[in-house]
């Protein structure tokens, strides 16, 4: 069993959720980056990034960032 598989099993047992849901809650739901998300879970940053990639969450994060940027532009334009 690899280190990542061991971490995955530990996290799933602790949180009683699938790893995708755990990582998504932090990375997308709370909008945390890899360093802060990893710190909150008590795992290495590289493991958090690995799980993000394995769960395919990069595109969801990109959409969240794009949505926030568009919202900021709209608010700035409305202020003028």
N, C-alpha and C. Protein backbone atom coordinates (compact mmCIF):
# COMPACT_ATOMS: atom_id res chain seq x y z
N UNK A 1 0.85 -1.18 0.00
CA UNK A 1 0.00 0.00 0.00
C UNK A 1 0.90 1.24 0.00
N UNK A 2 0.61 2.19 -0.89
CA UNK A 2 1.42 3.40 -0.95
C UNK A 2 1.04 4.37 0.16
N UNK A 3 1.89 5.37 0.35
CA UNK A 3 1.62 6.39 1.37
C UNK A 3 0.28 7.08 1.10
N UNK A 4 0.02 7.39 -0.18
CA UNK A 4 -1.23 8.06 -0.54
C UNK A 4 -2.44 7.19 -0.24
N UNK A 5 -2.33 5.91 -0.51
CA UNK A 5 -3.43 4.99 -0.23
C UNK A 5 -3.69 4.88 1.27
N UNK A 6 -2.62 4.89 2.04
CA UNK A 6 -2.76 4.84 3.50
C UNK A 6 -3.43 6.11 4.02
N UNK A 7 -2.98 7.26 3.51
CA UNK A 7 -3.60 8.53 3.91
C UNK A 7 -5.07 8.58 3.52
N UNK A 8 -5.36 8.08 2.32
CA UNK A 8 -6.74 8.06 1.85
C UNK A 8 -7.60 7.22 2.79
N UNK A 9 -7.14 6.04 3.14
CA UNK A 9 -7.89 5.15 4.04
C UNK A 9 -8.09 5.79 5.41
N UNK A 10 -7.05 6.44 5.92
CA UNK A 10 -7.15 7.10 7.22
C UNK A 10 -8.16 8.25 7.19
N UNK A 11 -8.07 9.08 6.14
CA UNK A 11 -8.99 10.22 6.03
C UNK A 11 -10.43 9.77 5.86
N UNK A 12 -10.65 8.76 5.02
CA UNK A 12 -12.01 8.26 4.80
C UNK A 12 -12.58 7.67 6.08
N UNK A 13 -11.77 6.99 6.85
CA UNK A 13 -12.23 6.40 8.11
C UNK A 13 -12.55 7.51 9.12
N UNK A 14 -11.69 8.50 9.19
CA UNK A 14 -11.86 9.59 10.16
C UNK A 14 -13.09 10.44 9.85
N UNK A 15 -13.29 10.76 8.57
CA UNK A 15 -14.37 11.67 8.17
C UNK A 15 -15.64 10.95 7.72
N UNK A 16 -15.58 9.64 7.60
CA UNK A 16 -16.73 8.84 7.16
C UNK A 16 -17.29 9.32 5.82
N UNK A 17 -16.40 9.70 4.92
CA UNK A 17 -16.76 10.16 3.57
C UNK A 17 -15.72 9.64 2.59
N UNK A 18 -16.09 9.69 1.32
CA UNK A 18 -15.14 9.37 0.25
C UNK A 18 -14.10 10.49 0.18
N UNK A 19 -12.90 10.16 -0.28
CA UNK A 19 -11.83 11.15 -0.36
C UNK A 19 -12.21 12.33 -1.26
N UNK A 20 -12.92 12.05 -2.33
CA UNK A 20 -13.35 13.13 -3.24
C UNK A 20 -14.22 14.15 -2.55
N UNK A 21 -15.09 13.69 -1.70
CA UNK A 21 -15.98 14.58 -0.96
C UNK A 21 -15.21 15.39 0.08
N UNK A 22 -14.28 14.74 0.75
CA UNK A 22 -13.46 15.42 1.77
C UNK A 22 -12.66 16.55 1.14
N UNK A 23 -11.96 16.23 0.07
CA UNK A 23 -11.11 17.22 -0.61
C UNK A 23 -11.96 18.30 -1.25
N UNK A 24 -13.06 17.92 -1.87
CA UNK A 24 -13.94 18.90 -2.51
C UNK A 24 -14.52 19.89 -1.50
N UNK A 25 -14.90 19.41 -0.33
CA UNK A 25 -15.43 20.30 0.71
C UNK A 25 -14.44 21.40 1.06
N UNK A 26 -13.17 21.05 1.13
CA UNK A 26 -12.15 22.04 1.49
C UNK A 26 -11.71 22.88 0.29
N UNK A 27 -11.39 22.22 -0.81
CA UNK A 27 -10.81 22.87 -1.98
C UNK A 27 -11.82 23.72 -2.74
N UNK A 28 -13.05 23.22 -2.87
CA UNK A 28 -14.08 23.95 -3.60
C UNK A 28 -15.03 24.64 -2.62
N UNK A 29 -15.58 23.88 -1.68
CA UNK A 29 -16.57 24.42 -0.75
C UNK A 29 -16.06 25.56 0.11
N UNK A 30 -14.91 25.35 0.75
CA UNK A 30 -14.34 26.39 1.61
C UNK A 30 -13.34 27.27 0.86
N UNK A 31 -13.07 26.92 -0.41
CA UNK A 31 -12.15 27.68 -1.27
C UNK A 31 -10.75 27.78 -0.66
N UNK A 32 -10.27 26.69 -0.09
CA UNK A 32 -8.93 26.67 0.48
C UNK A 32 -7.93 26.19 -0.57
N UNK A 33 -6.73 26.70 -0.48
CA UNK A 33 -5.65 26.24 -1.35
C UNK A 33 -5.06 24.96 -0.81
N UNK A 34 -4.12 24.38 -1.55
CA UNK A 34 -3.51 23.13 -1.13
C UNK A 34 -2.80 23.19 0.23
N UNK A 35 -2.08 24.27 0.49
CA UNK A 35 -1.33 24.36 1.74
C UNK A 35 -2.27 24.41 2.95
N UNK A 36 -3.29 25.26 2.88
CA UNK A 36 -4.21 25.41 4.00
C UNK A 36 -5.10 24.17 4.13
N UNK A 37 -5.56 23.62 3.02
CA UNK A 37 -6.37 22.41 3.05
C UNK A 37 -5.61 21.24 3.65
N UNK A 38 -4.35 21.11 3.25
CA UNK A 38 -3.51 20.04 3.80
C UNK A 38 -3.29 20.23 5.29
N UNK A 39 -3.06 21.46 5.70
CA UNK A 39 -2.85 21.74 7.12
C UNK A 39 -4.10 21.39 7.92
N UNK A 40 -5.26 21.73 7.39
CA UNK A 40 -6.51 21.44 8.09
C UNK A 40 -6.74 19.94 8.25
N UNK A 41 -6.30 19.17 7.25
CA UNK A 41 -6.45 17.71 7.32
C UNK A 41 -5.29 17.04 8.05
N UNK A 42 -4.20 17.77 8.24
CA UNK A 42 -3.04 17.19 8.89
C UNK A 42 -2.26 16.25 8.00
N UNK A 43 -2.24 16.57 6.69
CA UNK A 43 -1.51 15.74 5.72
C UNK A 43 -0.51 16.62 4.97
N UNK A 44 0.47 16.01 4.30
CA UNK A 44 1.40 16.80 3.50
C UNK A 44 0.69 17.49 2.33
N UNK A 45 1.21 18.65 1.96
CA UNK A 45 0.65 19.41 0.84
C UNK A 45 0.64 18.58 -0.45
N UNK A 46 1.71 17.85 -0.69
CA UNK A 46 1.81 17.05 -1.92
C UNK A 46 0.71 15.98 -1.96
N UNK A 47 0.31 15.48 -0.81
CA UNK A 47 -0.78 14.50 -0.77
C UNK A 47 -2.10 15.17 -1.12
N UNK A 48 -2.32 16.37 -0.61
CA UNK A 48 -3.55 17.12 -0.92
C UNK A 48 -3.62 17.36 -2.43
N UNK A 49 -2.51 17.82 -3.00
CA UNK A 49 -2.46 18.08 -4.45
C UNK A 49 -2.72 16.79 -5.23
N UNK A 50 -2.15 15.70 -4.77
CA UNK A 50 -2.37 14.40 -5.42
C UNK A 50 -3.85 14.04 -5.42
N UNK A 51 -4.53 14.22 -4.29
CA UNK A 51 -5.95 13.90 -4.20
C UNK A 51 -6.79 14.83 -5.07
N UNK A 52 -6.41 16.10 -5.13
CA UNK A 52 -7.11 17.05 -6.00
C UNK A 52 -7.03 16.56 -7.44
N UNK A 53 -5.84 16.15 -7.86
CA UNK A 53 -5.64 15.68 -9.23
C UNK A 53 -6.38 14.37 -9.48
N UNK A 54 -6.33 13.45 -8.53
CA UNK A 54 -7.01 12.16 -8.67
C UNK A 54 -8.52 12.32 -8.75
N UNK A 55 -9.05 13.31 -8.06
CA UNK A 55 -10.50 13.54 -8.04
C UNK A 55 -10.95 14.48 -9.16
N UNK A 56 -10.00 15.00 -9.93
CA UNK A 56 -10.32 15.87 -11.05
C UNK A 56 -10.97 17.18 -10.63
N UNK A 57 -10.49 17.77 -9.57
CA UNK A 57 -11.11 19.00 -9.05
C UNK A 57 -10.49 20.28 -9.61
N UNK A 58 -9.47 20.18 -10.45
CA UNK A 58 -8.84 21.37 -10.99
C UNK A 58 -9.82 22.21 -11.81
N UNK A 59 -10.63 21.57 -12.63
CA UNK A 59 -11.56 22.32 -13.48
C UNK A 59 -12.65 22.98 -12.65
N UNK A 60 -13.10 22.33 -11.59
CA UNK A 60 -14.11 22.94 -10.71
C UNK A 60 -13.53 24.16 -10.00
N UNK A 61 -12.27 24.07 -9.59
CA UNK A 61 -11.62 25.20 -8.92
C UNK A 61 -11.45 26.36 -9.91
N UNK A 62 -11.09 26.04 -11.15
CA UNK A 62 -10.94 27.06 -12.18
C UNK A 62 -12.26 27.79 -12.40
N UNK A 63 -13.35 27.03 -12.46
CA UNK A 63 -14.67 27.65 -12.64
C UNK A 63 -15.03 28.54 -11.46
N UNK A 64 -14.69 28.13 -10.26
CA UNK A 64 -14.94 28.94 -9.06
C UNK A 64 -14.15 30.25 -9.12
N UNK A 65 -12.89 30.17 -9.51
CA UNK A 65 -12.04 31.36 -9.63
C UNK A 65 -12.58 32.28 -10.71
N UNK A 66 -12.99 31.71 -11.83
CA UNK A 66 -13.53 32.50 -12.94
C UNK A 66 -14.80 33.21 -12.52
N UNK A 67 -15.67 32.50 -11.80
CA UNK A 67 -16.92 33.08 -11.33
C UNK A 67 -16.66 34.24 -10.37
N UNK A 68 -15.70 34.06 -9.46
CA UNK A 68 -15.35 35.12 -8.52
C UNK A 68 -14.78 36.33 -9.24
N UNK A 69 -13.94 36.09 -10.23
CA UNK A 69 -13.33 37.19 -10.98
C UNK A 69 -14.40 37.98 -11.73
N UNK A 70 -15.33 37.28 -12.36
CA UNK A 70 -16.40 37.95 -13.09
C UNK A 70 -17.29 38.74 -12.15
N UNK A 71 -17.52 38.19 -10.98
CA UNK A 71 -18.34 38.86 -9.98
C UNK A 71 -17.64 40.15 -9.51
N UNK A 72 -16.35 40.08 -9.30
CA UNK A 72 -15.57 41.24 -8.87
C UNK A 72 -15.59 42.33 -9.95
N UNK A 73 -15.47 41.93 -11.20
CA UNK A 73 -15.49 42.88 -12.31
C UNK A 73 -16.86 43.55 -12.38
N UNK A 74 -17.91 42.76 -12.20
CA UNK A 74 -19.27 43.31 -12.24
C UNK A 74 -19.50 44.30 -11.11
N UNK A 75 -19.01 43.99 -9.92
CA UNK A 75 -19.15 44.89 -8.78
C UNK A 75 -18.37 46.18 -8.99
N UNK A 76 -17.16 46.04 -9.56
CA UNK A 76 -16.33 47.21 -9.81
C UNK A 76 -16.98 48.12 -10.86
N UNK A 77 -17.56 47.51 -11.89
CA UNK A 77 -18.22 48.28 -12.94
C UNK A 77 -19.47 48.98 -12.41
N UNK A 78 -20.18 48.33 -11.51
CA UNK A 78 -21.39 48.91 -10.93
C UNK A 78 -21.05 50.09 -10.03
N UNK A 79 -19.86 50.11 -9.46
CA UNK A 79 -19.45 51.19 -8.57
C UNK A 79 -19.21 52.49 -9.34
N UNK A 80 -18.94 52.36 -10.63
CA UNK A 80 -18.69 53.57 -11.42
C UNK A 80 -19.96 54.06 -11.95
